[in-house]
């Protein structure tokens, strides 16, 4: 029996501008020229809204609890 990993909503903040974004633990990341980027949304994801994905450098954000 295969178990699925639960997707966890995480809130991140840009270290310099303090803007807040949302991401999920199972969303893919990209590596460009040796730098890792994570996929984020500006608004809290909801089923009835179209979401625009932004890519932020992983080392420029901090996770908020």
C-alpha atoms as a PDB file:
ATOM      1  CA  UNK A   1       0.000   0.000   0.000  1.00  0.00           C
ATOM      2  CA  UNK A   2       1.391   3.373  -1.035  1.00  0.00           C
ATOM      3  CA  UNK A   3       0.863   6.349   1.243  1.00  0.00           C
ATOM      4  CA  UNK A   4       0.671   9.862  -0.133  1.00  0.00           C
ATOM      5  CA  UNK A   5       2.603  12.667   1.445  1.00  0.00           C
ATOM      6  CA  UNK A   6       0.338  15.419   2.754  1.00  0.00           C
ATOM      7  CA  UNK A   7       0.849  18.818   1.167  1.00  0.00           C
ATOM      8  CA  UNK A   8       1.617  21.461   3.802  1.00  0.00           C
ATOM      9  CA  UNK A   9       0.886  25.164   3.227  1.00  0.00           C
ATOM     10  CA  UNK A  10       3.870  27.321   4.204  1.00  0.00           C
ATOM     11  CA  UNK A  11       4.119  31.086   4.528  1.00  0.00           C
ATOM     12  CA  UNK A  12       7.378  32.751   3.469  1.00  0.00           C
ATOM     13  CA  UNK A  13       8.672  36.306   3.785  1.00  0.00           C
ATOM     14  CA  UNK A  14      11.220  38.029   1.561  1.00  0.00           C
ATOM     15  CA  UNK A  15      14.119  39.010   3.828  1.00  0.00           C
ATOM     16  CA  UNK A  16      14.684  42.458   2.299  1.00  0.00           C
ATOM     17  CA  UNK A  17      11.185  43.757   1.461  1.00  0.00           C
ATOM     18  CA  UNK A  18       9.222  41.735   4.074  1.00  0.00           C
ATOM     19  CA  UNK A  19       6.582  40.832   1.454  1.00  0.00           C
ATOM     20  CA  UNK A  20       4.696  37.654   2.334  1.00  0.00           C
ATOM     21  CA  UNK A  21       3.947  34.774  -0.040  1.00  0.00           C
ATOM     22  CA  UNK A  22       2.483  31.269   0.206  1.00  0.00           C
ATOM     23  CA  UNK A  23       3.893  27.961  -1.013  1.00  0.00           C
ATOM     24  CA  UNK A  24       3.164  24.259  -0.556  1.00  0.00           C
ATOM     25  CA  UNK A  25       5.681  21.673   0.587  1.00  0.00           C
ATOM     26  CA  UNK A  26       5.105  19.508  -2.508  1.00  0.00           C
ATOM     27  CA  UNK A  27       5.465  22.258  -5.121  1.00  0.00           C
ATOM     28  CA  UNK A  28       8.501  21.817  -7.358  1.00  0.00           C
ATOM     29  CA  UNK A  29      11.583  24.007  -7.221  1.00  0.00           C
ATOM     30  CA  UNK A  30      13.917  25.037 -10.075  1.00  0.00           C
ATOM     31  CA  UNK A  31      17.660  25.357 -10.240  1.00  0.00           C
ATOM     32  CA  UNK A  32      19.024  28.041 -12.565  1.00  0.00           C
ATOM     33  CA  UNK A  33      22.795  28.565 -12.796  1.00  0.00           C
ATOM     34  CA  UNK A  34      23.296  26.766  -9.479  1.00  0.00           C
ATOM     35  CA  UNK A  35      20.700  28.888  -7.617  1.00  0.00           C
ATOM     36  CA  UNK A  36      17.524  27.257  -6.247  1.00  0.00           C
ATOM     37  CA  UNK A  37      14.163  28.982  -6.786  1.00  0.00           C
ATOM     38  CA  UNK A  38      10.834  28.091  -5.125  1.00  0.00           C
ATOM     39  CA  UNK A  39       7.313  28.516  -6.515  1.00  0.00           C
ATOM     40  CA  UNK A  40       5.112  30.900  -4.508  1.00  0.00           C
ATOM     41  CA  UNK A  41       1.729  32.670  -4.662  1.00  0.00           C
ATOM     42  CA  UNK A  42       1.051  36.206  -3.496  1.00  0.00           C
ATOM     43  CA  UNK A  43      -2.476  35.362  -2.267  1.00  0.00           C
ATOM     44  CA  UNK A  44      -3.626  32.525  -0.047  1.00  0.00           C
ATOM     45  CA  UNK A  45      -4.562  29.713  -2.461  1.00  0.00           C
ATOM     46  CA  UNK A  46      -8.298  29.151  -2.878  1.00  0.00           C
ATOM     47  CA  UNK A  47     -10.119  26.751  -5.176  1.00  0.00           C
ATOM     48  CA  UNK A  48     -12.136  29.430  -6.980  1.00  0.00           C
ATOM     49  CA  UNK A  49      -9.259  31.816  -7.812  1.00  0.00           C
ATOM     50  CA  UNK A  50      -6.719  31.673 -10.598  1.00  0.00           C
ATOM     51  CA  UNK A  51      -3.246  31.646  -9.093  1.00  0.00           C
ATOM     52  CA  UNK A  52      -0.176  33.264 -10.616  1.00  0.00           C
ATOM     53  CA  UNK A  53       3.036  31.456  -9.719  1.00  0.00           C
ATOM     54  CA  UNK A  54       6.094  33.571  -8.898  1.00  0.00           C
ATOM     55  CA  UNK A  55       9.626  32.200  -8.532  1.00  0.00           C
ATOM     56  CA  UNK A  56      11.754  33.466  -5.632  1.00  0.00           C
ATOM     57  CA  UNK A  57      15.335  32.638  -4.725  1.00  0.00           C
ATOM     58  CA  UNK A  58      15.215  30.171  -1.855  1.00  0.00           C
ATOM     59  CA  UNK A  59      18.075  31.930  -0.041  1.00  0.00           C
ATOM     60  CA  UNK A  60      16.233  35.290  -0.139  1.00  0.00           C
ATOM     61  CA  UNK A  61      13.185  34.098   1.833  1.00  0.00           C
ATOM     62  CA  UNK A  62      12.538  32.951   5.381  1.00  0.00           C
ATOM     63  CA  UNK A  63       9.808  30.591   6.487  1.00  0.00           C
ATOM     64  CA  UNK A  64       7.204  31.989   8.901  1.00  0.00           C
ATOM     65  CA  UNK A  65       5.562  29.725  11.457  1.00  0.00           C
END
